[in-house]
C-alpha cells in the first residue's frame, strides 16, 4: 500500500478533539490539492470548524493513489471530499482543471463519497508565503519534503475557505 507522508503540526489535545467531534454529526472533510507529482491533503474536524494539514501523497499512478485516498478516508471517517480546481486568474479552465475534474470523478467512484470541486487560485502561493522561514535558502525550499509541506498547507487553505463558505451557505461549484 502506498504511504502517505504525515504532517506533524501541534494539534489540540485528545479532550479538545473529543469535544470538537461532538459539535456536529456532519463529520470530517478531506481536501485535496491535486498535482502531477504530489497530492496535498488536509482534514477538517468533525464539526467543520478547523482545517488541519494532513500530509501529502507522492503520486504513484491513479489506481494506487485512489486506493491510498480511499484507505485514508475510511481511517479518518471522512464524509465528504473537496478537490481544488486549478483555474486561470481570468476564470478559464485549462488542461489541469480537466485533469483535476477527471480525478475527482474517479475519487468519488472509488470512495462512494460526495466530491466537490473548489477554486484553488492562490492557495499554493499563500502556503509558500506562510511557510517561508527567514534565512531558508532556495535549495531547501526545493526539497521534496518542503514541497510536500507546501502542498499540505495549500490543501488546508483550500479546506478552510471551503468550510467558511459552506458555513455561510455561499458555495457555488465551478
C-alpha atoms as a PDB file:
ATOM      1  CA  UNK A   1       0.000   0.000   0.000  1.00  0.00           C
ATOM      2  CA  UNK A   2       1.193   3.488  -0.791  1.00  0.00           C
ATOM      3  CA  UNK A   3       2.470   5.520   2.142  1.00  0.00           C
ATOM      4  CA  UNK A   4       1.051   8.936   2.963  1.00  0.00           C
ATOM      5  CA  UNK A   5       3.664  11.223   4.422  1.00  0.00           C
ATOM      6  CA  UNK A   6       2.117  12.774   7.553  1.00  0.00           C
ATOM      7  CA  UNK A   7       2.198  16.396   8.556  1.00  0.00           C
ATOM      8  CA  UNK A   8       3.060  16.703  12.242  1.00  0.00           C
ATOM      9  CA  UNK A   9       1.702  20.032  13.496  1.00  0.00           C
ATOM     10  CA  UNK A  10       0.708  20.503  17.105  1.00  0.00           C
ATOM     11  CA  UNK A  11      -2.926  19.501  17.397  1.00  0.00           C
ATOM     12  CA  UNK A  12      -5.468  20.039  20.147  1.00  0.00           C
ATOM     13  CA  UNK A  13      -5.222  17.502  22.959  1.00  0.00           C
ATOM     14  CA  UNK A  14      -7.468  14.421  22.966  1.00  0.00           C
ATOM     15  CA  UNK A  15     -10.134  16.031  25.158  1.00  0.00           C
ATOM     16  CA  UNK A  16     -10.362  19.070  22.869  1.00  0.00           C
ATOM     17  CA  UNK A  17     -10.626  16.811  19.799  1.00  0.00           C
ATOM     18  CA  UNK A  18     -13.381  14.798  21.506  1.00  0.00           C
ATOM     19  CA  UNK A  19     -15.347  17.997  22.243  1.00  0.00           C
ATOM     20  CA  UNK A  20     -14.938  19.107  18.628  1.00  0.00           C
ATOM     21  CA  UNK A  21     -16.182  15.731  17.380  1.00  0.00           C
ATOM     22  CA  UNK A  22     -19.386  16.176  19.388  1.00  0.00           C
ATOM     23  CA  UNK A  23     -20.111  19.573  17.833  1.00  0.00           C
ATOM     24  CA  UNK A  24     -21.577  18.120  14.659  1.00  0.00           C
ATOM     25  CA  UNK A  25     -22.638  14.815  13.230  1.00  0.00           C
ATOM     26  CA  UNK A  26     -21.507  16.088   9.834  1.00  0.00           C
ATOM     27  CA  UNK A  27     -18.062  14.524  10.076  1.00  0.00           C
ATOM     28  CA  UNK A  28     -14.597  15.316   8.778  1.00  0.00           C
ATOM     29  CA  UNK A  29     -13.983  16.620   5.280  1.00  0.00           C
ATOM     30  CA  UNK A  30     -10.874  15.769   3.242  1.00  0.00           C
ATOM     31  CA  UNK A  31      -9.371  18.425   0.975  1.00  0.00           C
ATOM     32  CA  UNK A  32      -7.028  17.604  -1.872  1.00  0.00           C
ATOM     33  CA  UNK A  33      -4.531  19.867  -3.600  1.00  0.00           C
ATOM     34  CA  UNK A  34      -4.142  17.745  -6.731  1.00  0.00           C
ATOM     35  CA  UNK A  35      -0.821  17.944  -8.542  1.00  0.00           C
ATOM     36  CA  UNK A  36       1.099  15.994 -11.143  1.00  0.00           C
ATOM     37  CA  UNK A  37       3.803  14.870  -8.650  1.00  0.00           C
ATOM     38  CA  UNK A  38       2.134  15.126  -5.233  1.00  0.00           C
ATOM     39  CA  UNK A  39      -1.312  15.351  -3.701  1.00  0.00           C
ATOM     40  CA  UNK A  40      -1.557  17.718  -0.735  1.00  0.00           C
ATOM     41  CA  UNK A  41      -4.002  16.627   1.972  1.00  0.00           C
ATOM     42  CA  UNK A  42      -5.960  18.401   4.690  1.00  0.00           C
ATOM     43  CA  UNK A  43      -8.698  17.169   7.010  1.00  0.00           C
ATOM     44  CA  UNK A  44     -11.287  19.102   8.997  1.00  0.00           C
ATOM     45  CA  UNK A  45     -12.565  18.395  12.458  1.00  0.00           C
ATOM     46  CA  UNK A  46     -15.960  16.681  12.655  1.00  0.00           C
ATOM     47  CA  UNK A  47     -17.738  19.977  13.206  1.00  0.00           C
ATOM     48  CA  UNK A  48     -16.258  21.601  10.135  1.00  0.00           C
ATOM     49  CA  UNK A  49     -14.659  24.430  12.093  1.00  0.00           C
ATOM     50  CA  UNK A  50     -10.953  23.757  11.616  1.00  0.00           C
ATOM     51  CA  UNK A  51      -8.732  22.594   8.764  1.00  0.00           C
ATOM     52  CA  UNK A  52      -5.508  20.729   9.530  1.00  0.00           C
ATOM     53  CA  UNK A  53      -2.767  19.845   7.044  1.00  0.00           C
ATOM     54  CA  UNK A  54      -2.680  16.041   6.857  1.00  0.00           C
ATOM     55  CA  UNK A  55       0.442  15.384   4.804  1.00  0.00           C
ATOM     56  CA  UNK A  56       0.972  14.589   1.182  1.00  0.00           C
ATOM     57  CA  UNK A  57       0.893  11.654  -1.146  1.00  0.00           C
ATOM     58  CA  UNK A  58       3.639  11.132  -3.719  1.00  0.00           C
ATOM     59  CA  UNK A  59       1.858  10.244  -6.956  1.00  0.00           C
ATOM     60  CA  UNK A  60       2.306   6.591  -7.994  1.00  0.00           C
ATOM     61  CA  UNK A  61      -0.419   6.285 -10.596  1.00  0.00           C
ATOM     62  CA  UNK A  62      -4.164   6.732 -10.398  1.00  0.00           C
ATOM     63  CA  UNK A  63      -5.097   3.232  -9.141  1.00  0.00           C
ATOM     64  CA  UNK A  64      -2.550   3.381  -6.303  1.00  0.00           C
ATOM     65  CA  UNK A  65      -3.414   6.999  -5.486  1.00  0.00           C
ATOM     66  CA  UNK A  66      -7.143   6.227  -5.335  1.00  0.00           C
ATOM     67  CA  UNK A  67      -6.532   3.186  -3.120  1.00  0.00           C
ATOM     68  CA  UNK A  68      -4.405   5.250  -0.687  1.00  0.00           C
ATOM     69  CA  UNK A  69      -7.009   8.017  -0.545  1.00  0.00           C
ATOM     70  CA  UNK A  70      -9.842   5.522  -0.061  1.00  0.00           C
ATOM     71  CA  UNK A  71      -7.906   3.995   2.848  1.00  0.00           C
ATOM     72  CA  UNK A  72      -7.291   7.445   4.357  1.00  0.00           C
ATOM     73  CA  UNK A  73     -10.990   8.318   4.021  1.00  0.00           C
ATOM     74  CA  UNK A  74     -12.027   5.148   5.837  1.00  0.00           C
ATOM     75  CA  UNK A  75      -9.350   5.568   8.522  1.00  0.00           C
ATOM     76  CA  UNK A  76     -10.339   9.181   9.253  1.00  0.00           C
ATOM     77  CA  UNK A  77     -14.119   8.734   8.898  1.00  0.00           C
ATOM     78  CA  UNK A  78     -14.298  11.204   6.030  1.00  0.00           C
ATOM     79  CA  UNK A  79     -17.835  12.110   4.947  1.00  0.00           C
ATOM     80  CA  UNK A  80     -17.050  14.419   2.018  1.00  0.00           C
ATOM     81  CA  UNK A  81     -14.106  15.341  -0.204  1.00  0.00           C
ATOM     82  CA  UNK A  82     -13.141  18.679  -1.745  1.00  0.00           C
ATOM     83  CA  UNK A  83     -10.703  18.770  -4.656  1.00  0.00           C
ATOM     84  CA  UNK A  84      -9.002  22.004  -5.650  1.00  0.00           C
ATOM     85  CA  UNK A  85      -9.903  23.241  -9.118  1.00  0.00           C
ATOM     86  CA  UNK A  86      -6.888  24.896 -10.763  1.00  0.00           C
ATOM     87  CA  UNK A  87      -8.374  27.622 -12.916  1.00  0.00           C
ATOM     88  CA  UNK A  88      -6.654  30.566 -14.551  1.00  0.00           C
ATOM     89  CA  UNK A  89      -6.846  34.009 -12.979  1.00  0.00           C
ATOM     90  CA  UNK A  90      -9.328  35.091 -15.679  1.00  0.00           C
ATOM     91  CA  UNK A  91     -11.602  32.167 -14.787  1.00  0.00           C
ATOM     92  CA  UNK A  92     -10.766  29.946 -17.761  1.00  0.00           C
ATOM     93  CA  UNK A  93     -10.212  26.245 -17.215  1.00  0.00           C
ATOM     94  CA  UNK A  94      -7.164  24.654 -18.777  1.00  0.00           C
ATOM     95  CA  UNK A  95      -5.941  21.079 -19.098  1.00  0.00           C
ATOM     96  CA  UNK A  96      -5.007  20.932 -15.386  1.00  0.00           C
ATOM     97  CA  UNK A  97      -8.618  21.693 -14.434  1.00  0.00           C
ATOM     98  CA  UNK A  98      -9.910  18.957 -16.746  1.00  0.00           C
ATOM     99  CA  UNK A  99      -7.427  16.501 -15.216  1.00  0.00           C
ATOM    100  CA  UNK A 100      -8.475  17.503 -11.675  1.00  0.00           C
ATOM    101  CA  UNK A 101     -12.165  17.083 -12.593  1.00  0.00           C
ATOM    102  CA  UNK A 102     -11.498  13.604 -14.019  1.00  0.00           C
ATOM    103  CA  UNK A 103      -9.555  12.642 -10.885  1.00  0.00           C
ATOM    104  CA  UNK A 104     -12.356  13.964  -8.647  1.00  0.00           C
ATOM    105  CA  UNK A 105     -14.911  11.875 -10.543  1.00  0.00           C
ATOM    106  CA  UNK A 106     -12.725   8.760 -10.211  1.00  0.00           C
ATOM    107  CA  UNK A 107     -12.233   9.506  -6.499  1.00  0.00           C
ATOM    108  CA  UNK A 108     -15.983   9.747  -5.992  1.00  0.00           C
ATOM    109  CA  UNK A 109     -16.449   6.350  -7.641  1.00  0.00           C
ATOM    110  CA  UNK A 110     -13.581   4.830  -5.626  1.00  0.00           C
ATOM    111  CA  UNK A 111     -14.785   6.099  -2.245  1.00  0.00           C
ATOM    112  CA  UNK A 112     -18.544   6.340  -2.700  1.00  0.00           C
ATOM    113  CA  UNK A 113     -18.362   9.840  -1.182  1.00  0.00           C
ATOM    114  CA  UNK A 114     -19.569  13.173  -2.494  1.00  0.00           C
ATOM    115  CA  UNK A 115     -16.669  15.005  -4.141  1.00  0.00           C
ATOM    116  CA  UNK A 116     -16.896  18.763  -4.715  1.00  0.00           C
ATOM    117  CA  UNK A 117     -14.610  20.970  -6.761  1.00  0.00           C
ATOM    118  CA  UNK A 118     -13.490  24.314  -5.340  1.00  0.00           C
ATOM    119  CA  UNK A 119     -11.472  27.179  -6.824  1.00  0.00           C
ATOM    120  CA  UNK A 120      -7.897  26.920  -5.566  1.00  0.00           C
ATOM    121  CA  UNK A 121      -6.438  30.089  -7.059  1.00  0.00           C
ATOM    122  CA  UNK A 122      -3.642  31.486  -4.873  1.00  0.00           C
ATOM    123  CA  UNK A 123      -3.601  28.635  -2.336  1.00  0.00           C
ATOM    124  CA  UNK A 124      -0.123  27.408  -3.259  1.00  0.00           C
ATOM    125  CA  UNK A 125       1.330  30.933  -3.320  1.00  0.00           C
ATOM    126  CA  UNK A 126      -0.282  31.737   0.030  1.00  0.00           C
ATOM    127  CA  UNK A 127       1.011  28.463   1.504  1.00  0.00           C
ATOM    128  CA  UNK A 128       4.550  29.168   0.245  1.00  0.00           C
ATOM    129  CA  UNK A 129       4.484  32.612   1.859  1.00  0.00           C
ATOM    130  CA  UNK A 130       3.046  31.249   5.113  1.00  0.00           C
ATOM    131  CA  UNK A 131       5.698  28.527   5.368  1.00  0.00           C
ATOM    132  CA  UNK A 132       8.705  30.612   4.292  1.00  0.00           C
ATOM    133  CA  UNK A 133      11.306  30.718   7.040  1.00  0.00           C
ATOM    134  CA  UNK A 134      13.713  33.638   7.343  1.00  0.00           C
ATOM    135  CA  UNK A 135      17.161  32.648   6.139  1.00  0.00           C
ATOM    136  CA  UNK A 136      15.946  29.449   4.475  1.00  0.00           C
ATOM    137  CA  UNK A 137      17.807  29.025   1.222  1.00  0.00           C
ATOM    138  CA  UNK A 138      16.243  28.195  -2.140  1.00  0.00           C
ATOM    139  CA  UNK A 139      17.820  24.704  -2.172  1.00  0.00           C
ATOM    140  CA  UNK A 140      15.986  23.704   0.999  1.00  0.00           C
ATOM    141  CA  UNK A 141      12.691  25.127  -0.332  1.00  0.00           C
ATOM    142  CA  UNK A 142      13.028  22.881  -3.405  1.00  0.00           C
ATOM    143  CA  UNK A 143      13.307  19.621  -1.446  1.00  0.00           C
ATOM    144  CA  UNK A 144      10.514  17.069  -1.872  1.00  0.00           C
ATOM    145  CA  UNK A 145       9.612  17.317   1.810  1.00  0.00           C
ATOM    146  CA  UNK A 146       9.374  21.123   1.617  1.00  0.00           C
ATOM    147  CA  UNK A 147       7.201  20.918  -1.489  1.00  0.00           C
ATOM    148  CA  UNK A 148       5.007  18.338   0.240  1.00  0.00           C
ATOM    149  CA  UNK A 149       4.545  20.662   3.226  1.00  0.00           C
ATOM    150  CA  UNK A 150       3.508  23.438   0.838  1.00  0.00           C
ATOM    151  CA  UNK A 151       1.009  21.089  -0.861  1.00  0.00           C
ATOM    152  CA  UNK A 152      -0.486  20.090   2.511  1.00  0.00           C
ATOM    153  CA  UNK A 153      -0.681  23.732   3.630  1.00  0.00           C
ATOM    154  CA  UNK A 154      -2.322  24.650   0.309  1.00  0.00           C
ATOM    155  CA  UNK A 155      -4.900  21.898   0.872  1.00  0.00           C
ATOM    156  CA  UNK A 156      -5.548  23.282   4.381  1.00  0.00           C
ATOM    157  CA  UNK A 157      -6.070  26.800   2.980  1.00  0.00           C
ATOM    158  CA  UNK A 158      -8.426  25.383   0.364  1.00  0.00           C
ATOM    159  CA  UNK A 159     -10.360  23.478   3.025  1.00  0.00           C
ATOM    160  CA  UNK A 160     -10.521  26.442   5.404  1.00  0.00           C
ATOM    161  CA  UNK A 161     -12.003  28.640   2.664  1.00  0.00           C
ATOM    162  CA  UNK A 162     -14.430  25.901   1.615  1.00  0.00           C
ATOM    163  CA  UNK A 163     -15.556  25.383   5.228  1.00  0.00           C
ATOM    164  CA  UNK A 164     -16.092  29.130   5.735  1.00  0.00           C
ATOM    165  CA  UNK A 165     -18.161  29.437   2.578  1.00  0.00           C
ATOM    166  CA  UNK A 166     -20.044  26.254   3.371  1.00  0.00           C
ATOM    167  CA  UNK A 167     -20.956  27.606   6.805  1.00  0.00           C
ATOM    168  CA  UNK A 168     -22.296  30.795   5.167  1.00  0.00           C
ATOM    169  CA  UNK A 169     -24.150  28.790   2.525  1.00  0.00           C
ATOM    170  CA  UNK A 170     -22.132  30.576  -0.158  1.00  0.00           C
ATOM    171  CA  UNK A 171     -20.758  27.582  -2.024  1.00  0.00           C
ATOM    172  CA  UNK A 172     -21.045  27.559  -5.746  1.00  0.00           C
ATOM    173  CA  UNK A 173     -19.289  24.732  -7.504  1.00  0.00           C
ATOM    174  CA  UNK A 174     -17.401  25.693 -10.615  1.00  0.00           C
END
